[in-house]
């Protein structure tokens, strides 16, 4: 599926983050859940259940991002876990997303 981030009804920094991620690793194996909030969205891996990332710009410094990474549970830990960080630069955000969704 070919996603055009600039067509999403999200604030400009979120769209810029998606373009940077698309350039660096592609978006073909991700779905974008465009929840109603204009300053937030979910990225979900198409094939790995609960491998998700919540990106947001509300409550962050100008041109910075918040990120919540969700990981699927394993055989011994069936519940998902997550890690959250705030006030990330665009470069750091994209770097974390690339590592999070690495094959």
PDB file of N, CA and C in Angstrom:
ATOM      1  N   UNK A   1       0.841  -1.181   0.000  1.00  0.00           N
ATOM      2  CA  UNK A   1       0.000   0.000   0.000  1.00  0.00           C
ATOM      3  C   UNK A   1       0.882   1.240   0.000  1.00  0.00           C
ATOM      4  N   UNK A   2       0.605   2.157  -0.874  1.00  0.00           N
ATOM      5  CA  UNK A   2       1.369   3.377  -0.985  1.00  0.00           C
ATOM      6  C   UNK A   2       0.671   4.473  -0.193  1.00  0.00           C
ATOM      7  N   UNK A   3       1.341   4.980   0.837  1.00  0.00           N
ATOM      8  CA  UNK A   3       0.759   5.982   1.710  1.00  0.00           C
ATOM      9  C   UNK A   3       1.385   7.333   1.389  1.00  0.00           C
ATOM     10  N   UNK A   4       0.546   8.340   1.209  1.00  0.00           N
ATOM     11  CA  UNK A   4       1.037   9.697   1.025  1.00  0.00           C
ATOM     12  C   UNK A   4       0.821  10.451   2.335  1.00  0.00           C
ATOM     13  N   UNK A   5       1.870  10.586   3.162  1.00  0.00           N
ATOM     14  CA  UNK A   5       1.719  11.244   4.459  1.00  0.00           C
ATOM     15  C   UNK A   5       1.176  12.666   4.381  1.00  0.00           C
ATOM     16  N   UNK A   6       1.453  13.364   3.279  1.00  0.00           N
ATOM     17  CA  UNK A   6       1.002  14.751   3.178  1.00  0.00           C
ATOM     18  C   UNK A   6      -0.508  14.861   3.015  1.00  0.00           C
ATOM     19  N   UNK A   7      -1.177  13.764   2.691  1.00  0.00           N
ATOM     20  CA  UNK A   7      -2.638  13.797   2.535  1.00  0.00           C
ATOM     21  C   UNK A   7      -3.378  13.536   3.835  1.00  0.00           C
ATOM     22  N   UNK A   8      -2.655  13.156   4.880  1.00  0.00           N
ATOM     23  CA  UNK A   8      -3.293  12.885   6.168  1.00  0.00           C
ATOM     24  C   UNK A   8      -3.704  14.195   6.843  1.00  0.00           C
ATOM     25  N   UNK A   9      -4.780  14.139   7.573  1.00  0.00           N
ATOM     26  CA  UNK A   9      -5.253  15.318   8.319  1.00  0.00           C
ATOM     27  C   UNK A   9      -4.597  15.339   9.697  1.00  0.00           C
ATOM     28  N   UNK A  10      -3.308  15.559   9.671  1.00  0.00           N
ATOM     29  CA  UNK A  10      -2.495  15.625  10.886  1.00  0.00           C
ATOM     30  C   UNK A  10      -1.649  16.888  10.836  1.00  0.00           C
ATOM     31  N   UNK A  11      -1.122  17.287  11.995  1.00  0.00           N
ATOM     32  CA  UNK A  11      -0.300  18.492  11.978  1.00  0.00           C
ATOM     33  C   UNK A  11       0.981  18.252  11.177  1.00  0.00           C
ATOM     34  N   UNK A  12       1.549  19.323  10.719  1.00  0.00           N
ATOM     35  CA  UNK A  12       2.694  19.253   9.801  1.00  0.00           C
ATOM     36  C   UNK A  12       3.878  18.465  10.360  1.00  0.00           C
ATOM     37  N   UNK A  13       4.271  18.628  11.636  1.00  0.00           N
ATOM     38  CA  UNK A  13       5.398  17.847  12.148  1.00  0.00           C
ATOM     39  C   UNK A  13       5.159  16.331  12.090  1.00  0.00           C
ATOM     40  N   UNK A  14       3.930  15.876  12.337  1.00  0.00           N
ATOM     41  CA  UNK A  14       3.657  14.440  12.229  1.00  0.00           C
ATOM     42  C   UNK A  14       3.792  13.967  10.786  1.00  0.00           C
ATOM     43  N   UNK A  15       3.298  14.742   9.865  1.00  0.00           N
ATOM     44  CA  UNK A  15       3.428  14.364   8.455  1.00  0.00           C
ATOM     45  C   UNK A  15       4.897  14.354   8.031  1.00  0.00           C
ATOM     46  N   UNK A  16       5.670  15.332   8.529  1.00  0.00           N
ATOM     47  CA  UNK A  16       7.106  15.373   8.216  1.00  0.00           C
ATOM     48  C   UNK A  16       7.814  14.144   8.786  1.00  0.00           C
ATOM     49  N   UNK A  17       7.406  13.702   9.970  1.00  0.00           N
ATOM     50  CA  UNK A  17       7.998  12.504  10.573  1.00  0.00           C
ATOM     51  C   UNK A  17       7.705  11.273   9.723  1.00  0.00           C
ATOM     52  N   UNK A  18       6.491  11.163   9.209  1.00  0.00           N
ATOM     53  CA  UNK A  18       6.140  10.030   8.361  1.00  0.00           C
ATOM     54  C   UNK A  18       6.926  10.042   7.050  1.00  0.00           C
ATOM     55  N   UNK A  19       7.126  11.220   6.483  1.00  0.00           N
ATOM     56  CA  UNK A  19       7.912  11.334   5.253  1.00  0.00           C
ATOM     57  C   UNK A  19       9.355  10.907   5.528  1.00  0.00           C
ATOM     58  N   UNK A  20       9.915  11.351   6.654  1.00  0.00           N
ATOM     59  CA  UNK A  20      11.287  10.976   7.003  1.00  0.00           C
ATOM     60  C   UNK A  20      11.396   9.469   7.221  1.00  0.00           C
ATOM     61  N   UNK A  21      10.409   8.878   7.893  1.00  0.00           N
ATOM     62  CA  UNK A  21      10.408   7.434   8.111  1.00  0.00           C
ATOM     63  C   UNK A  21      10.241   6.687   6.791  1.00  0.00           C
ATOM     64  N   UNK A  22       9.371   7.179   5.940  1.00  0.00           N
ATOM     65  CA  UNK A  22       9.154   6.555   4.631  1.00  0.00           C
ATOM     66  C   UNK A  22      10.441   6.578   3.810  1.00  0.00           C
ATOM     67  N   UNK A  23      11.173   7.664   3.867  1.00  0.00           N
ATOM     68  CA  UNK A  23      12.437   7.791   3.144  1.00  0.00           C
ATOM     69  C   UNK A  23      13.491   6.847   3.699  1.00  0.00           C
ATOM     70  N   UNK A  24      13.527   6.714   4.998  1.00  0.00           N
ATOM     71  CA  UNK A  24      14.576   5.918   5.665  1.00  0.00           C
ATOM     72  C   UNK A  24      14.324   4.413   5.602  1.00  0.00           C
ATOM     73  N   UNK A  25      13.073   3.955   5.791  1.00  0.00           N
ATOM     74  CA  UNK A  25      12.817   2.510   5.842  1.00  0.00           C
ATOM     75  C   UNK A  25      11.568   2.068   5.077  1.00  0.00           C
ATOM     76  N   UNK A  26      10.764   2.997   4.642  1.00  0.00           N
ATOM     77  CA  UNK A  26       9.527   2.637   3.963  1.00  0.00           C
ATOM     78  C   UNK A  26       8.396   2.449   4.955  1.00  0.00           C
ATOM     79  N   UNK A  27       7.175   2.493   4.445  1.00  0.00           N
ATOM     80  CA  UNK A  27       5.979   2.333   5.278  1.00  0.00           C
ATOM     81  C   UNK A  27       5.143   1.134   4.842  1.00  0.00           C
ATOM     82  N   UNK A  28       5.642   0.346   3.889  1.00  0.00           N
ATOM     83  CA  UNK A  28       4.843  -0.701   3.273  1.00  0.00           C
ATOM     84  C   UNK A  28       4.333  -1.755   4.248  1.00  0.00           C
ATOM     85  N   UNK A  29       5.049  -2.030   5.335  1.00  0.00           N
ATOM     86  CA  UNK A  29       4.604  -3.053   6.280  1.00  0.00           C
ATOM     87  C   UNK A  29       3.925  -2.458   7.508  1.00  0.00           C
ATOM     88  N   UNK A  30       3.565  -1.181   7.426  1.00  0.00           N
ATOM     89  CA  UNK A  30       2.918  -0.509   8.544  1.00  0.00           C
ATOM     90  C   UNK A  30       1.530  -0.016   8.155  1.00  0.00           C
ATOM     91  N   UNK A  31       0.655   0.030   9.125  1.00  0.00           N
ATOM     92  CA  UNK A  31      -0.627   0.706   8.937  1.00  0.00           C
ATOM     93  C   UNK A  31      -0.601   1.959   9.793  1.00  0.00           C
ATOM     94  N   UNK A  32      -1.314   2.966   9.347  1.00  0.00           N
ATOM     95  CA  UNK A  32      -1.410   4.214  10.093  1.00  0.00           C
ATOM     96  C   UNK A  32      -2.847   4.365  10.556  1.00  0.00           C
ATOM     97  N   UNK A  33      -3.010   4.411  11.855  1.00  0.00           N
ATOM     98  CA  UNK A  33      -4.325   4.626  12.450  1.00  0.00           C
ATOM     99  C   UNK A  33      -4.421   6.103  12.789  1.00  0.00           C
ATOM    100  N   UNK A  34      -5.200   6.806  12.025  1.00  0.00           N
ATOM    101  CA  UNK A  34      -5.297   8.248  12.196  1.00  0.00           C
ATOM    102  C   UNK A  34      -6.421   8.579  13.171  1.00  0.00           C
ATOM    103  N   UNK A  35      -6.159   8.342  14.435  1.00  0.00           N
ATOM    104  CA  UNK A  35      -7.134   8.661  15.475  1.00  0.00           C
ATOM    105  C   UNK A  35      -7.569  10.116  15.342  1.00  0.00           C
ATOM    106  N   UNK A  36      -8.668  10.490  15.989  1.00  0.00           N
ATOM    107  CA  UNK A  36      -9.225  11.827  15.783  1.00  0.00           C
ATOM    108  C   UNK A  36      -8.302  12.998  16.172  1.00  0.00           C
ATOM    109  N   UNK A  37      -7.392  12.787  17.103  1.00  0.00           N
ATOM    110  CA  UNK A  37      -6.553  13.905  17.542  1.00  0.00           C
ATOM    111  C   UNK A  37      -5.602  14.318  16.418  1.00  0.00           C
ATOM    112  N   UNK A  38      -5.588  15.604  16.043  1.00  0.00           N
ATOM    113  CA  UNK A  38      -4.744  16.044  14.921  1.00  0.00           C
ATOM    114  C   UNK A  38      -3.248  16.009  15.219  1.00  0.00           C
ATOM    115  N   UNK A  39      -2.886  15.843  16.490  1.00  0.00           N
ATOM    116  CA  UNK A  39      -1.474  15.836  16.848  1.00  0.00           C
ATOM    117  C   UNK A  39      -1.007  14.466  17.329  1.00  0.00           C
ATOM    118  N   UNK A  40      -1.680  13.414  16.877  1.00  0.00           N
ATOM    119  CA  UNK A  40      -1.288  12.063  17.302  1.00  0.00           C
ATOM    120  C   UNK A  40      -1.707  11.037  16.261  1.00  0.00           C
ATOM    121  N   UNK A  41      -0.973   9.920  16.226  1.00  0.00           N
ATOM    122  CA  UNK A  41      -1.345   8.790  15.377  1.00  0.00           C
ATOM    123  C   UNK A  41      -0.649   7.526  15.866  1.00  0.00           C
ATOM    124  N   UNK A  42      -1.186   6.397  15.457  1.00  0.00           N
ATOM    125  CA  UNK A  42      -0.608   5.076  15.749  1.00  0.00           C
ATOM    126  C   UNK A  42      -0.009   4.509  14.481  1.00  0.00           C
ATOM    127  N   UNK A  43       1.172   3.925  14.596  1.00  0.00           N
ATOM    128  CA  UNK A  43       1.751   3.091  13.538  1.00  0.00           C
ATOM    129  C   UNK A  43       1.694   1.659  14.047  1.00  0.00           C
ATOM    130  N   UNK A  44       1.205   0.751  13.219  1.00  0.00           N
ATOM    131  CA  UNK A  44       1.106  -0.653  13.610  1.00  0.00           C
ATOM    132  C   UNK A  44       1.725  -1.529  12.525  1.00  0.00           C
ATOM    133  N   UNK A  45       2.486  -2.529  12.974  1.00  0.00           N
ATOM    134  CA  UNK A  45       3.081  -3.469  12.027  1.00  0.00           C
ATOM    135  C   UNK A  45       1.977  -4.373  11.488  1.00  0.00           C
ATOM    136  N   UNK A  46       1.966  -4.600  10.208  1.00  0.00           N
ATOM    137  CA  UNK A  46       0.912  -5.414   9.587  1.00  0.00           C
ATOM    138  C   UNK A  46       0.951  -6.883   9.992  1.00  0.00           C
ATOM    139  N   UNK A  47       2.139  -7.416  10.268  1.00  0.00           N
ATOM    140  CA  UNK A  47       2.272  -8.857  10.499  1.00  0.00           C
ATOM    141  C   UNK A  47       2.578  -9.239  11.947  1.00  0.00           C
ATOM    142  N   UNK A  48       2.999  -8.285  12.768  1.00  0.00           N
ATOM    143  CA  UNK A  48       3.373  -8.600  14.142  1.00  0.00           C
ATOM    144  C   UNK A  48       2.371  -7.931  15.082  1.00  0.00           C
ATOM    145  N   UNK A  49       1.545  -8.744  15.698  1.00  0.00           N
ATOM    146  CA  UNK A  49       0.519  -8.237  16.594  1.00  0.00           C
ATOM    147  C   UNK A  49       1.139  -7.478  17.763  1.00  0.00           C
ATOM    148  N   UNK A  50       0.583  -6.342  18.081  1.00  0.00           N
ATOM    149  CA  UNK A  50       0.989  -5.487  19.203  1.00  0.00           C
ATOM    150  C   UNK A  50       2.353  -4.828  19.038  1.00  0.00           C
ATOM    151  N   UNK A  51       2.942  -4.879  17.869  1.00  0.00           N
ATOM    152  CA  UNK A  51       4.157  -4.113  17.606  1.00  0.00           C
ATOM    153  C   UNK A  51       3.687  -2.770  17.048  1.00  0.00           C
ATOM    154  N   UNK A  52       3.663  -1.771  17.928  1.00  0.00           N
ATOM    155  CA  UNK A  52       3.027  -0.500  17.608  1.00  0.00           C
ATOM    156  C   UNK A  52       3.868   0.669  18.102  1.00  0.00           C
ATOM    157  N   UNK A  53       3.565   1.840  17.552  1.00  0.00           N
ATOM    158  CA  UNK A  53       4.190   3.075  18.012  1.00  0.00           C
ATOM    159  C   UNK A  53       3.133   4.173  17.983  1.00  0.00           C
ATOM    160  N   UNK A  54       3.038   4.900  19.082  1.00  0.00           N
ATOM    161  CA  UNK A  54       2.130   6.039  19.184  1.00  0.00           C
ATOM    162  C   UNK A  54       2.972   7.297  19.124  1.00  0.00           C
ATOM    163  N   UNK A  55       2.783   8.093  18.077  1.00  0.00           N
ATOM    164  CA  UNK A  55       3.517   9.340  17.888  1.00  0.00           C
ATOM    165  C   UNK A  55       2.610  10.497  18.241  1.00  0.00           C
ATOM    166  N   UNK A  56       3.161  11.487  18.935  1.00  0.00           N
ATOM    167  CA  UNK A  56       2.347  12.656  19.262  1.00  0.00           C
ATOM    168  C   UNK A  56       3.224  13.896  19.378  1.00  0.00           C
ATOM    169  N   UNK A  57       2.603  15.038  19.129  1.00  0.00           N
ATOM    170  CA  UNK A  57       3.312  16.312  19.258  1.00  0.00           C
ATOM    171  C   UNK A  57       2.707  17.189  20.341  1.00  0.00           C
ATOM    172  N   UNK A  58       1.523  16.853  20.818  1.00  0.00           N
ATOM    173  CA  UNK A  58       0.923  17.678  21.876  1.00  0.00           C
ATOM    174  C   UNK A  58       1.744  17.551  23.168  1.00  0.00           C
ATOM    175  N   UNK A  59       1.903  18.669  23.856  1.00  0.00           N
ATOM    176  CA  UNK A  59       2.653  18.682  25.106  1.00  0.00           C
ATOM    177  C   UNK A  59       4.162  18.610  24.942  1.00  0.00           C
ATOM    178  N   UNK A  60       4.646  18.715  23.717  1.00  0.00           N
ATOM    179  CA  UNK A  60       6.087  18.619  23.451  1.00  0.00           C
ATOM    180  C   UNK A  60       6.642  20.000  23.117  1.00  0.00           C
ATOM    181  N   UNK A  61       7.950  20.149  23.237  1.00  0.00           N
ATOM    182  CA  UNK A  61       8.593  21.379  22.795  1.00  0.00           C
ATOM    183  C   UNK A  61       8.402  21.529  21.290  1.00  0.00           C
ATOM    184  N   UNK A  62       8.532  22.742  20.807  1.00  0.00           N
ATOM    185  CA  UNK A  62       8.364  23.025  19.388  1.00  0.00           C
ATOM    186  C   UNK A  62       9.285  22.138  18.553  1.00  0.00           C
ATOM    187  N   UNK A  63       8.720  21.513  17.516  1.00  0.00           N
ATOM    188  CA  UNK A  63       9.448  20.616  16.607  1.00  0.00           C
ATOM    189  C   UNK A  63      10.041  19.403  17.301  1.00  0.00           C
ATOM    190  N   UNK A  64       9.394  18.939  18.334  1.00  0.00           N
ATOM    191  CA  UNK A  64       9.796  17.728  19.032  1.00  0.00           C
ATOM    192  C   UNK A  64       8.590  16.798  19.159  1.00  0.00           C
ATOM    193  N   UNK A  65       8.884  15.549  19.478  1.00  0.00           N
ATOM    194  CA  UNK A  65       7.875  14.499  19.434  1.00  0.00           C
ATOM    195  C   UNK A  65       7.871  13.682  20.719  1.00  0.00           C
ATOM    196  N   UNK A  66       6.712  13.149  21.017  1.00  0.00           N
ATOM    197  CA  UNK A  66       6.588  12.130  22.040  1.00  0.00           C
ATOM    198  C   UNK A  66       6.367  10.799  21.338  1.00  0.00           C
ATOM    199  N   UNK A  67       6.794   9.716  21.972  1.00  0.00           N
ATOM    200  CA  UNK A  67       6.715   8.401  21.342  1.00  0.00           C
ATOM    201  C   UNK A  67       6.478   7.336  22.399  1.00  0.00           C
ATOM    202  N   UNK A  68       5.487   6.511  22.160  1.00  0.00           N
ATOM    203  CA  UNK A  68       5.248   5.338  22.999  1.00  0.00           C
ATOM    204  C   UNK A  68       5.417   4.112  22.112  1.00  0.00           C
ATOM    205  N   UNK A  69       6.361   3.260  22.463  1.00  0.00           N
ATOM    206  CA  UNK A  69       6.619   2.040  21.705  1.00  0.00           C
ATOM    207  C   UNK A  69       5.982   0.864  22.428  1.00  0.00           C
ATOM    208  N   UNK A  70       5.178   0.095  21.732  1.00  0.00           N
ATOM    209  CA  UNK A  70       4.544  -1.092  22.299  1.00  0.00           C
ATOM    210  C   UNK A  70       5.144  -2.338  21.686  1.00  0.00           C
ATOM    211  N   UNK A  71       5.398  -3.314  22.538  1.00  0.00           N
ATOM    212  CA  UNK A  71       6.032  -4.567  22.127  1.00  0.00           C
ATOM    213  C   UNK A  71       5.089  -5.721  22.391  1.00  0.00           C
ATOM    214  N   UNK A  72       5.059  -6.715  21.513  1.00  0.00           N
ATOM    215  CA  UNK A  72       4.199  -7.876  21.762  1.00  0.00           C
ATOM    216  C   UNK A  72       4.718  -8.698  22.931  1.00  0.00           C
ATOM    217  N   UNK A  73       3.791  -9.341  23.609  1.00  0.00           N
ATOM    218  CA  UNK A  73       4.180 -10.252  24.682  1.00  0.00           C
ATOM    219  C   UNK A  73       4.814 -11.505  24.102  1.00  0.00           C
ATOM    220  N   UNK A  74       5.535 -12.211  24.926  1.00  0.00           N
ATOM    221  CA  UNK A  74       6.164 -13.456  24.505  1.00  0.00           C
ATOM    222  C   UNK A  74       5.465 -14.653  25.105  1.00  0.00           C
ATOM    223  N   UNK A  75       6.080 -15.791  24.957  1.00  0.00           N
ATOM    224  CA  UNK A  75       5.503 -17.030  25.466  1.00  0.00           C
ATOM    225  C   UNK A  75       5.327 -16.973  26.989  1.00  0.00           C
ATOM    226  N   UNK A  76       6.315 -16.418  27.682  1.00  0.00           N
ATOM    227  CA  UNK A  76       6.249 -16.340  29.143  1.00  0.00           C
ATOM    228  C   UNK A  76       5.614 -15.054  29.647  1.00  0.00           C
ATOM    229  N   UNK A  77       5.469 -14.069  28.784  1.00  0.00           N
ATOM    230  CA  UNK A  77       4.833 -12.811  29.154  1.00  0.00           C
ATOM    231  C   UNK A  77       3.800 -12.459  28.086  1.00  0.00           C
ATOM    232  N   UNK A  78       2.587 -12.965  28.217  1.00  0.00           N
ATOM    233  CA  UNK A  78       1.592 -12.781  27.165  1.00  0.00           C
ATOM    234  C   UNK A  78       1.107 -11.336  26.998  1.00  0.00           C
ATOM    235  N   UNK A  79       1.314 -10.489  27.993  1.00  0.00           N
ATOM    236  CA  UNK A  79       0.868  -9.108  27.874  1.00  0.00           C
ATOM    237  C   UNK A  79       1.913  -8.263  27.155  1.00  0.00           C
ATOM    238  N   UNK A  80       1.446  -7.284  26.429  1.00  0.00           N
ATOM    239  CA  UNK A  80       2.354  -6.362  25.756  1.00  0.00           C
ATOM    240  C   UNK A  80       3.006  -5.439  26.779  1.00  0.00           C
ATOM    241  N   UNK A  81       4.162  -4.930  26.427  1.00  0.00           N
ATOM    242  CA  UNK A  81       4.823  -3.938  27.259  1.00  0.00           C
ATOM    243  C   UNK A  81       5.088  -2.712  26.406  1.00  0.00           C
ATOM    244  N   UNK A  82       5.434  -1.611  27.057  1.00  0.00           N
ATOM    245  CA  UNK A  82       5.702  -0.410  26.280  1.00  0.00           C
ATOM    246  C   UNK A  82       6.768   0.448  26.946  1.00  0.00           C
ATOM    247  N   UNK A  83       7.293   1.357  26.156  1.00  0.00           N
ATOM    248  CA  UNK A  83       8.299   2.303  26.593  1.00  0.00           C
ATOM    249  C   UNK A  83       7.889   3.657  26.024  1.00  0.00           C
ATOM    250  N   UNK A  84       7.961   4.713  26.827  1.00  0.00           N
ATOM    251  CA  UNK A  84       7.570   6.042  26.362  1.00  0.00           C
ATOM    252  C   UNK A  84       8.715   7.025  26.567  1.00  0.00           C
ATOM    253  N   UNK A  85       8.910   7.902  25.586  1.00  0.00           N
ATOM    254  CA  UNK A  85       9.904   8.965  25.662  1.00  0.00           C
ATOM    255  C   UNK A  85       9.289  10.239  25.089  1.00  0.00           C
ATOM    256  N   UNK A  86       9.790  11.375  25.547  1.00  0.00           N
ATOM    257  CA  UNK A  86       9.232  12.649  25.098  1.00  0.00           C
ATOM    258  C   UNK A  86      10.314  13.612  24.658  1.00  0.00           C
ATOM    259  N   UNK A  87       9.885  14.642  23.945  1.00  0.00           N
ATOM    260  CA  UNK A  87      10.747  15.725  23.453  1.00  0.00           C
ATOM    261  C   UNK A  87      11.918  15.213  22.619  1.00  0.00           C
ATOM    262  N   UNK A  88      11.596  14.330  21.681  1.00  0.00           N
ATOM    263  CA  UNK A  88      12.590  13.791  20.750  1.00  0.00           C
ATOM    264  C   UNK A  88      12.720  14.694  19.534  1.00  0.00           C
ATOM    265  N   UNK A  89      13.929  14.834  19.037  1.00  0.00           N
ATOM    266  CA  UNK A  89      14.118  15.521  17.758  1.00  0.00           C
ATOM    267  C   UNK A  89      13.600  14.603  16.647  1.00  0.00           C
ATOM    268  N   UNK A  90      13.409  15.158  15.465  1.00  0.00           N
ATOM    269  CA  UNK A  90      12.945  14.357  14.328  1.00  0.00           C
ATOM    270  C   UNK A  90      13.927  13.227  14.029  1.00  0.00           C
ATOM    271  N   UNK A  91      15.211  13.521  14.020  1.00  0.00           N
ATOM    272  CA  UNK A  91      16.208  12.490  13.717  1.00  0.00           C
ATOM    273  C   UNK A  91      16.179  11.360  14.734  1.00  0.00           C
ATOM    274  N   UNK A  92      16.084  11.708  16.008  1.00  0.00           N
ATOM    275  CA  UNK A  92      16.056  10.681  17.056  1.00  0.00           C
ATOM    276  C   UNK A  92      14.764   9.861  16.971  1.00  0.00           C
ATOM    277  N   UNK A  93      13.650  10.524  16.705  1.00  0.00           N
ATOM    278  CA  UNK A  93      12.375   9.822  16.540  1.00  0.00           C
ATOM    279  C   UNK A  93      12.462   8.786  15.429  1.00  0.00           C
ATOM    280  N   UNK A  94      12.952   9.196  14.273  1.00  0.00           N
ATOM    281  CA  UNK A  94      13.039   8.290  13.122  1.00  0.00           C
ATOM    282  C   UNK A  94      13.989   7.142  13.428  1.00  0.00           C
ATOM    283  N   UNK A  95      15.097   7.427  14.081  1.00  0.00           N
ATOM    284  CA  UNK A  95      16.045   6.376  14.454  1.00  0.00           C
ATOM    285  C   UNK A  95      15.386   5.330  15.359  1.00  0.00           C
ATOM    286  N   UNK A  96      14.629   5.781  16.346  1.00  0.00           N
ATOM    287  CA  UNK A  96      13.938   4.849  17.237  1.00  0.00           C
ATOM    288  C   UNK A  96      12.881   4.026  16.493  1.00  0.00           C
ATOM    289  N   UNK A  97      12.148   4.668  15.592  1.00  0.00           N
ATOM    290  CA  UNK A  97      11.118   3.954  14.820  1.00  0.00           C
ATOM    291  C   UNK A  97      11.742   2.913  13.895  1.00  0.00           C
ATOM    292  N   UNK A  98      12.846   3.252  13.258  1.00  0.00           N
ATOM    293  CA  UNK A  98      13.532   2.299  12.381  1.00  0.00           C
ATOM    294  C   UNK A  98      13.959   1.074  13.191  1.00  0.00           C
ATOM    295  N   UNK A  99      14.533   1.290  14.351  1.00  0.00           N
ATOM    296  CA  UNK A  99      14.959   0.150  15.198  1.00  0.00           C
ATOM    297  C   UNK A  99      13.751  -0.642  15.698  1.00  0.00           C
ATOM    298  N   UNK A 100      12.686   0.069  16.079  1.00  0.00           N
ATOM    299  CA  UNK A 100      11.500  -0.594  16.626  1.00  0.00           C
ATOM    300  C   UNK A 100      10.848  -1.520  15.600  1.00  0.00           C
ATOM    301  N   UNK A 101      10.750  -1.061  14.363  1.00  0.00           N
ATOM    302  CA  UNK A 101      10.080  -1.838  13.323  1.00  0.00           C
ATOM    303  C   UNK A 101      11.058  -2.586  12.421  1.00  0.00           C
ATOM    304  N   UNK A 102      12.292  -2.771  12.877  1.00  0.00           N
ATOM    305  CA  UNK A 102      13.291  -3.491  12.080  1.00  0.00           C
ATOM    306  C   UNK A 102      12.837  -4.929  11.850  1.00  0.00           C
ATOM    307  N   UNK A 103      13.120  -5.463  10.647  1.00  0.00           N
ATOM    308  CA  UNK A 103      12.716  -6.856  10.354  1.00  0.00           C
ATOM    309  C   UNK A 103      13.497  -7.857  11.182  1.00  0.00           C
TER     310      UNK A 103
END
